[in-house]
Amino acid sequence: MGLSAQELTIGDSYSEVVVEDLTRTQIVQYAGASGDYNPVHSDEKFVTEVAGYPTVFAHGMLTMGMTGRMLTNYVGDGRLTYYGVRFVNQVWPGDTLTARAEVAALREEDGETLVDLTITTTNQDEKFVLTGNATARVD
């Protein structure tokens, strides 16, 4: 069972910590799961000496996936009809991320009730690392 339209009001929000103290191991595990072996995510020498970053950083899609888990925890499995994001800052080892969904609109479309959500994910310094939107079916 998912969200009910009667329970929702524009401006309502839901948030959860999606990762505490992100580890390099988690980043490397994601590289293996996704097949994305770009050295900026795993090769310290490359990332500091060639790419000019202070250290390795997480895949944007890892952040999107963790944020997506927050969304399905909120709206229910199989309810999302749209999910799109923009990666606005790197996610570093040691970061703690909090994802938030805010109700932007409730509407009817093709006989279904939909909720439009504004999505943000911030790090422990309250700096945005991801912004986006999602739409989900509600009862």
N, C-alpha and C. Protein backbone atom coordinates (compact mmCIF):
# COMPACT_ATOMS: atom_id res chain seq x y z
N MET A 1 0.85 -1.18 0.00
CA MET A 1 0.00 0.00 0.00
C MET A 1 0.89 1.24 0.00
N GLY A 2 0.54 2.20 -0.80
CA GLY A 2 1.32 3.43 -0.91
C GLY A 2 0.65 4.59 -0.22
N LEU A 3 1.10 5.76 -0.58
CA LEU A 3 0.55 6.99 -0.02
C LEU A 3 -0.88 7.20 -0.48
N SER A 4 -1.65 7.90 0.34
CA SER A 4 -3.00 8.28 0.00
C SER A 4 -3.02 9.78 -0.28
N ALA A 5 -3.70 10.18 -1.34
CA ALA A 5 -3.80 11.60 -1.69
C ALA A 5 -4.44 12.39 -0.55
N GLN A 6 -5.37 11.77 0.19
CA GLN A 6 -6.02 12.48 1.30
C GLN A 6 -5.05 12.81 2.43
N GLU A 7 -3.94 12.06 2.52
CA GLU A 7 -2.95 12.29 3.57
C GLU A 7 -1.95 13.38 3.21
N LEU A 8 -1.97 13.85 1.94
CA LEU A 8 -0.92 14.74 1.46
C LEU A 8 -1.41 16.17 1.30
N THR A 9 -0.50 17.11 1.59
CA THR A 9 -0.73 18.53 1.39
C THR A 9 0.51 19.11 0.73
N ILE A 10 0.32 20.05 -0.17
CA ILE A 10 1.47 20.70 -0.79
C ILE A 10 2.35 21.28 0.31
N GLY A 11 3.64 21.01 0.21
CA GLY A 11 4.59 21.45 1.23
C GLY A 11 4.98 20.37 2.21
N ASP A 12 4.19 19.28 2.28
CA ASP A 12 4.57 18.15 3.13
C ASP A 12 5.93 17.64 2.68
N SER A 13 6.71 17.11 3.63
CA SER A 13 8.00 16.57 3.23
C SER A 13 8.33 15.31 4.02
N TYR A 14 9.24 14.55 3.44
CA TYR A 14 9.75 13.33 4.06
C TYR A 14 11.25 13.33 3.82
N SER A 15 12.01 12.97 4.83
CA SER A 15 13.45 12.89 4.63
C SER A 15 14.02 11.73 5.44
N GLU A 16 15.18 11.27 4.99
CA GLU A 16 15.89 10.24 5.73
C GLU A 16 17.37 10.31 5.38
N VAL A 17 18.18 9.89 6.34
CA VAL A 17 19.62 9.76 6.08
C VAL A 17 19.79 8.51 5.24
N VAL A 18 20.40 8.67 4.06
CA VAL A 18 20.54 7.53 3.15
C VAL A 18 21.91 6.87 3.24
N VAL A 19 22.89 7.59 3.79
CA VAL A 19 24.19 6.98 4.07
C VAL A 19 24.89 7.82 5.14
N GLU A 20 25.49 7.13 6.09
CA GLU A 20 26.30 7.79 7.11
C GLU A 20 27.75 7.40 6.87
N ASP A 21 28.62 8.40 6.80
CA ASP A 21 30.05 8.16 6.67
C ASP A 21 30.35 7.23 5.49
N LEU A 22 30.01 7.70 4.30
CA LEU A 22 30.25 6.92 3.07
C LEU A 22 31.70 6.46 3.02
N THR A 23 31.90 5.18 2.75
CA THR A 23 33.25 4.63 2.73
C THR A 23 33.76 4.45 1.31
N ARG A 24 35.08 4.40 1.18
CA ARG A 24 35.70 4.10 -0.11
C ARG A 24 35.28 2.71 -0.58
N THR A 25 35.12 1.80 0.36
CA THR A 25 34.68 0.45 0.01
C THR A 25 33.31 0.48 -0.66
N GLN A 26 32.39 1.28 -0.13
CA GLN A 26 31.06 1.39 -0.75
C GLN A 26 31.16 1.95 -2.17
N ILE A 27 32.06 2.92 -2.37
CA ILE A 27 32.25 3.49 -3.70
C ILE A 27 32.79 2.43 -4.66
N VAL A 28 33.77 1.65 -4.21
CA VAL A 28 34.35 0.60 -5.06
C VAL A 28 33.32 -0.51 -5.31
N GLN A 29 32.53 -0.84 -4.30
CA GLN A 29 31.48 -1.85 -4.50
C GLN A 29 30.49 -1.38 -5.56
N TYR A 30 30.15 -0.09 -5.54
CA TYR A 30 29.24 0.44 -6.55
C TYR A 30 29.88 0.36 -7.94
N ALA A 31 31.18 0.64 -8.03
CA ALA A 31 31.87 0.52 -9.32
C ALA A 31 31.71 -0.89 -9.86
N GLY A 32 31.88 -1.89 -9.00
CA GLY A 32 31.74 -3.28 -9.43
C GLY A 32 30.32 -3.60 -9.83
N ALA A 33 29.35 -3.12 -9.07
CA ALA A 33 27.95 -3.41 -9.38
C ALA A 33 27.50 -2.73 -10.66
N SER A 34 28.01 -1.52 -10.91
CA SER A 34 27.56 -0.75 -12.07
C SER A 34 28.42 -0.96 -13.31
N GLY A 35 29.64 -1.44 -13.10
CA GLY A 35 30.57 -1.57 -14.22
C GLY A 35 31.24 -0.25 -14.60
N ASP A 36 31.07 0.78 -13.76
CA ASP A 36 31.66 2.10 -14.01
C ASP A 36 32.98 2.18 -13.26
N TYR A 37 34.06 1.92 -13.97
CA TYR A 37 35.39 1.90 -13.36
C TYR A 37 36.19 3.15 -13.68
N ASN A 38 35.53 4.27 -13.88
CA ASN A 38 36.24 5.53 -14.10
C ASN A 38 37.20 5.74 -12.94
N PRO A 39 38.48 6.03 -13.21
CA PRO A 39 39.47 6.14 -12.14
C PRO A 39 39.22 7.27 -11.15
N VAL A 40 38.36 8.23 -11.46
CA VAL A 40 38.08 9.30 -10.48
C VAL A 40 37.34 8.75 -9.26
N HIS A 41 36.83 7.52 -9.38
CA HIS A 41 36.11 6.92 -8.27
C HIS A 41 36.94 5.92 -7.46
N SER A 42 38.16 5.59 -7.95
CA SER A 42 38.90 4.54 -7.25
C SER A 42 40.41 4.70 -7.24
N ASP A 43 40.97 5.52 -8.11
CA ASP A 43 42.43 5.61 -8.24
C ASP A 43 42.93 6.92 -7.64
N GLU A 44 43.43 6.84 -6.43
CA GLU A 44 43.87 8.04 -5.69
C GLU A 44 44.96 8.81 -6.44
N LYS A 45 45.93 8.09 -6.98
CA LYS A 45 47.03 8.76 -7.69
C LYS A 45 46.50 9.50 -8.93
N PHE A 46 45.66 8.83 -9.71
CA PHE A 46 45.09 9.47 -10.90
C PHE A 46 44.28 10.70 -10.53
N VAL A 47 43.40 10.55 -9.55
CA VAL A 47 42.47 11.63 -9.23
C VAL A 47 43.20 12.87 -8.67
N THR A 48 44.28 12.66 -7.92
CA THR A 48 44.99 13.81 -7.37
C THR A 48 46.01 14.39 -8.33
N GLU A 49 46.74 13.54 -9.05
CA GLU A 49 47.83 14.02 -9.89
C GLU A 49 47.39 14.39 -11.31
N VAL A 50 46.40 13.71 -11.83
CA VAL A 50 45.97 13.96 -13.21
C VAL A 50 44.69 14.78 -13.26
N ALA A 51 43.68 14.36 -12.50
CA ALA A 51 42.37 15.01 -12.56
C ALA A 51 42.29 16.26 -11.68
N GLY A 52 43.18 16.39 -10.70
CA GLY A 52 43.22 17.59 -9.88
C GLY A 52 42.20 17.67 -8.76
N TYR A 53 41.65 16.55 -8.34
CA TYR A 53 40.72 16.53 -7.21
C TYR A 53 41.47 16.16 -5.94
N PRO A 54 40.94 16.51 -4.77
CA PRO A 54 41.65 16.19 -3.53
C PRO A 54 41.66 14.70 -3.18
N THR A 55 40.68 13.97 -3.66
CA THR A 55 40.59 12.53 -3.42
C THR A 55 39.53 11.95 -4.36
N VAL A 56 39.32 10.64 -4.29
CA VAL A 56 38.28 10.00 -5.10
C VAL A 56 36.91 10.49 -4.63
N PHE A 57 35.91 10.34 -5.49
CA PHE A 57 34.55 10.73 -5.10
C PHE A 57 33.55 9.72 -5.65
N ALA A 58 32.36 9.74 -5.09
CA ALA A 58 31.32 8.77 -5.43
C ALA A 58 30.74 9.02 -6.82
N HIS A 59 30.24 7.98 -7.42
CA HIS A 59 29.51 8.05 -8.68
C HIS A 59 28.21 8.84 -8.44
N GLY A 60 27.85 9.68 -9.38
CA GLY A 60 26.57 10.37 -9.29
C GLY A 60 25.41 9.40 -9.20
N MET A 61 25.51 8.31 -9.95
CA MET A 61 24.41 7.33 -9.95
C MET A 61 24.30 6.60 -8.61
N LEU A 62 25.37 6.53 -7.84
CA LEU A 62 25.27 5.97 -6.49
C LEU A 62 24.41 6.88 -5.63
N THR A 63 24.66 8.18 -5.71
CA THR A 63 23.86 9.15 -4.97
C THR A 63 22.40 9.09 -5.43
N MET A 64 22.20 8.99 -6.74
CA MET A 64 20.83 8.90 -7.27
C MET A 64 20.13 7.64 -6.76
N GLY A 65 20.85 6.54 -6.73
CA GLY A 65 20.28 5.29 -6.25
C GLY A 65 19.89 5.35 -4.78
N MET A 66 20.76 5.93 -3.96
CA MET A 66 20.45 6.05 -2.53
C MET A 66 19.26 6.98 -2.32
N THR A 67 19.20 8.05 -3.10
CA THR A 67 18.07 8.97 -3.02
C THR A 67 16.79 8.28 -3.49
N GLY A 68 16.90 7.46 -4.52
CA GLY A 68 15.75 6.70 -5.01
C GLY A 68 15.19 5.75 -3.97
N ARG A 69 16.07 5.19 -3.15
CA ARG A 69 15.60 4.31 -2.07
C ARG A 69 14.73 5.11 -1.09
N MET A 70 15.15 6.35 -0.79
CA MET A 70 14.31 7.21 0.07
C MET A 70 12.95 7.41 -0.57
N LEU A 71 12.92 7.65 -1.89
CA LEU A 71 11.65 7.88 -2.58
C LEU A 71 10.72 6.68 -2.47
N THR A 72 11.24 5.49 -2.73
CA THR A 72 10.37 4.31 -2.66
C THR A 72 9.98 4.01 -1.23
N ASN A 73 10.83 4.34 -0.26
CA ASN A 73 10.41 4.20 1.14
C ASN A 73 9.22 5.11 1.43
N TYR A 74 9.18 6.27 0.80
CA TYR A 74 8.11 7.25 1.02
C TYR A 74 6.85 6.91 0.24
N VAL A 75 6.96 6.70 -1.05
CA VAL A 75 5.76 6.54 -1.88
C VAL A 75 5.34 5.09 -2.06
N GLY A 76 6.25 4.15 -1.82
CA GLY A 76 5.94 2.73 -1.99
C GLY A 76 6.58 2.19 -3.26
N ASP A 77 6.82 0.89 -3.26
CA ASP A 77 7.43 0.24 -4.43
C ASP A 77 6.47 0.27 -5.61
N GLY A 78 7.03 0.43 -6.80
CA GLY A 78 6.26 0.37 -8.03
C GLY A 78 5.36 1.57 -8.27
N ARG A 79 5.57 2.64 -7.55
CA ARG A 79 4.69 3.82 -7.65
C ARG A 79 5.30 4.96 -8.47
N LEU A 80 6.63 4.99 -8.60
CA LEU A 80 7.26 6.10 -9.33
C LEU A 80 6.93 6.01 -10.81
N THR A 81 6.57 7.14 -11.39
CA THR A 81 6.35 7.22 -12.84
C THR A 81 7.40 8.09 -13.50
N TYR A 82 8.12 8.88 -12.71
CA TYR A 82 9.19 9.73 -13.22
C TYR A 82 10.17 10.00 -12.08
N TYR A 83 11.46 10.00 -12.44
CA TYR A 83 12.51 10.34 -11.48
C TYR A 83 13.69 10.89 -12.27
N GLY A 84 13.98 12.17 -12.10
CA GLY A 84 15.08 12.80 -12.81
C GLY A 84 15.86 13.70 -11.87
N VAL A 85 17.17 13.70 -12.00
CA VAL A 85 18.00 14.48 -11.08
C VAL A 85 19.12 15.21 -11.81
N ARG A 86 19.73 16.11 -11.08
CA ARG A 86 20.94 16.81 -11.51
C ARG A 86 21.95 16.67 -10.39
N PHE A 87 23.17 16.30 -10.74
CA PHE A 87 24.24 16.18 -9.76
C PHE A 87 24.91 17.55 -9.64
N VAL A 88 24.87 18.16 -8.46
CA VAL A 88 25.33 19.53 -8.33
C VAL A 88 26.64 19.68 -7.57
N ASN A 89 27.05 18.68 -6.83
CA ASN A 89 28.35 18.68 -6.14
C ASN A 89 28.82 17.26 -5.92
N GLN A 90 30.14 17.09 -5.80
CA GLN A 90 30.69 15.77 -5.55
C GLN A 90 30.30 15.27 -4.16
N VAL A 91 30.26 13.94 -4.06
CA VAL A 91 30.06 13.25 -2.80
C VAL A 91 31.38 12.55 -2.48
N TRP A 92 31.93 12.86 -1.32
CA TRP A 92 33.27 12.40 -0.93
C TRP A 92 33.19 11.28 0.11
N PRO A 93 34.22 10.47 0.18
CA PRO A 93 34.29 9.50 1.29
C PRO A 93 34.15 10.27 2.61
N GLY A 94 33.39 9.69 3.52
CA GLY A 94 33.15 10.33 4.81
C GLY A 94 31.87 11.15 4.86
N ASP A 95 31.27 11.44 3.71
CA ASP A 95 30.04 12.23 3.70
C ASP A 95 28.87 11.44 4.28
N THR A 96 27.98 12.18 4.92
CA THR A 96 26.70 11.67 5.36
C THR A 96 25.65 12.40 4.55
N LEU A 97 24.76 11.66 3.90
CA LEU A 97 23.78 12.25 2.99
C LEU A 97 22.36 12.10 3.52
N THR A 98 21.61 13.19 3.42
CA THR A 98 20.20 13.19 3.78
C THR A 98 19.40 13.55 2.54
N ALA A 99 18.45 12.68 2.19
CA ALA A 99 17.59 12.90 1.02
C ALA A 99 16.22 13.35 1.50
N ARG A 100 15.62 14.26 0.72
CA ARG A 100 14.34 14.86 1.10
C ARG A 100 13.43 14.96 -0.11
N ALA A 101 12.17 14.65 0.09
CA ALA A 101 11.14 14.81 -0.93
C ALA A 101 10.08 15.75 -0.38
N GLU A 102 9.72 16.76 -1.18
CA GLU A 102 8.67 17.70 -0.77
C GLU A 102 7.54 17.67 -1.79
N VAL A 103 6.30 17.63 -1.30
CA VAL A 103 5.13 17.60 -2.18
C VAL A 103 5.00 18.97 -2.86
N ALA A 104 5.12 18.96 -4.20
CA ALA A 104 5.00 20.19 -4.98
C ALA A 104 3.60 20.34 -5.57
N ALA A 105 2.96 19.23 -5.90
CA ALA A 105 1.62 19.28 -6.51
C ALA A 105 0.94 17.93 -6.38
N LEU A 106 -0.37 17.97 -6.35
CA LEU A 106 -1.23 16.79 -6.46
C LEU A 106 -2.12 17.02 -7.66
N ARG A 107 -2.22 15.99 -8.54
CA ARG A 107 -2.99 16.20 -9.77
C ARG A 107 -3.56 14.89 -10.28
N GLU A 108 -4.52 15.03 -11.17
CA GLU A 108 -5.13 13.88 -11.85
C GLU A 108 -4.61 13.84 -13.28
N GLU A 109 -4.28 12.64 -13.75
CA GLU A 109 -3.85 12.47 -15.13
C GLU A 109 -4.21 11.07 -15.58
N ASP A 110 -4.95 10.98 -16.68
CA ASP A 110 -5.36 9.69 -17.24
C ASP A 110 -6.01 8.78 -16.19
N GLY A 111 -6.86 9.37 -15.35
CA GLY A 111 -7.59 8.60 -14.36
C GLY A 111 -6.79 8.21 -13.12
N GLU A 112 -5.56 8.68 -13.02
CA GLU A 112 -4.73 8.37 -11.84
C GLU A 112 -4.46 9.65 -11.05
N THR A 113 -4.31 9.49 -9.76
CA THR A 113 -3.91 10.61 -8.92
C THR A 113 -2.40 10.54 -8.77
N LEU A 114 -1.73 11.66 -9.07
CA LEU A 114 -0.27 11.73 -9.03
C LEU A 114 0.19 12.79 -8.05
N VAL A 115 1.33 12.54 -7.46
CA VAL A 115 1.99 13.54 -6.63
C VAL A 115 3.32 13.89 -7.29
N ASP A 116 3.56 15.19 -7.45
CA ASP A 116 4.84 15.68 -7.96
C ASP A 116 5.69 16.07 -6.76
N LEU A 117 6.93 15.62 -6.77
CA LEU A 117 7.83 15.84 -5.64
C LEU A 117 9.08 16.58 -6.08
N THR A 118 9.54 17.49 -5.24
CA THR A 118 10.83 18.14 -5.42
C THR A 118 11.82 17.38 -4.56
N ILE A 119 12.94 16.97 -5.15
CA ILE A 119 13.90 16.09 -4.48
C ILE A 119 15.20 16.85 -4.24
N THR A 120 15.74 16.71 -3.04
CA THR A 120 17.07 17.24 -2.75
C THR A 120 17.83 16.24 -1.89
N THR A 121 19.13 16.20 -2.09
CA THR A 121 20.01 15.43 -1.21
C THR A 121 21.14 16.36 -0.81
N THR A 122 21.39 16.41 0.49
CA THR A 122 22.43 17.29 1.03
C THR A 122 23.44 16.47 1.81
N ASN A 123 24.65 17.05 1.94
CA ASN A 123 25.66 16.40 2.76
C ASN A 123 25.58 16.93 4.20
N GLN A 124 26.51 16.51 5.02
CA GLN A 124 26.52 16.87 6.43
C GLN A 124 26.70 18.38 6.65
N ASP A 125 27.17 19.10 5.65
CA ASP A 125 27.33 20.56 5.74
C ASP A 125 26.12 21.27 5.15
N GLU A 126 25.06 20.53 4.87
CA GLU A 126 23.82 21.04 4.27
C GLU A 126 24.05 21.62 2.88
N LYS A 127 25.08 21.13 2.20
CA LYS A 127 25.38 21.52 0.83
C LYS A 127 24.65 20.55 -0.10
N PHE A 128 23.94 21.10 -1.10
CA PHE A 128 23.24 20.25 -2.05
C PHE A 128 24.23 19.45 -2.88
N VAL A 129 23.97 18.16 -3.01
CA VAL A 129 24.76 17.31 -3.90
C VAL A 129 23.90 16.79 -5.05
N LEU A 130 22.58 16.84 -4.89
CA LEU A 130 21.65 16.36 -5.91
C LEU A 130 20.36 17.16 -5.77
N THR A 131 19.79 17.53 -6.91
CA THR A 131 18.47 18.14 -6.95
C THR A 131 17.67 17.44 -8.04
N GLY A 132 16.36 17.46 -7.92
CA GLY A 132 15.58 16.81 -8.96
C GLY A 132 14.10 16.82 -8.68
N ASN A 133 13.41 16.00 -9.45
CA ASN A 133 11.95 15.89 -9.37
C ASN A 133 11.55 14.44 -9.55
N ALA A 134 10.40 14.13 -9.00
CA ALA A 134 9.84 12.80 -9.17
C ALA A 134 8.32 12.92 -9.20
N THR A 135 7.70 11.94 -9.79
CA THR A 135 6.23 11.82 -9.80
C THR A 135 5.90 10.39 -9.42
N ALA A 136 4.84 10.26 -8.62
CA ALA A 136 4.42 8.94 -8.17
C ALA A 136 2.89 8.84 -8.17
N ARG A 137 2.41 7.63 -8.42
CA ARG A 137 0.99 7.36 -8.28
C ARG A 137 0.64 7.28 -6.80
N VAL A 138 -0.50 7.85 -6.43
CA VAL A 138 -0.99 7.73 -5.05
C VAL A 138 -2.43 7.24 -5.07
N ASP A 139 -2.84 6.66 -3.98
CA ASP A 139 -4.22 6.13 -3.88
C ASP A 139 -5.21 7.26 -3.66
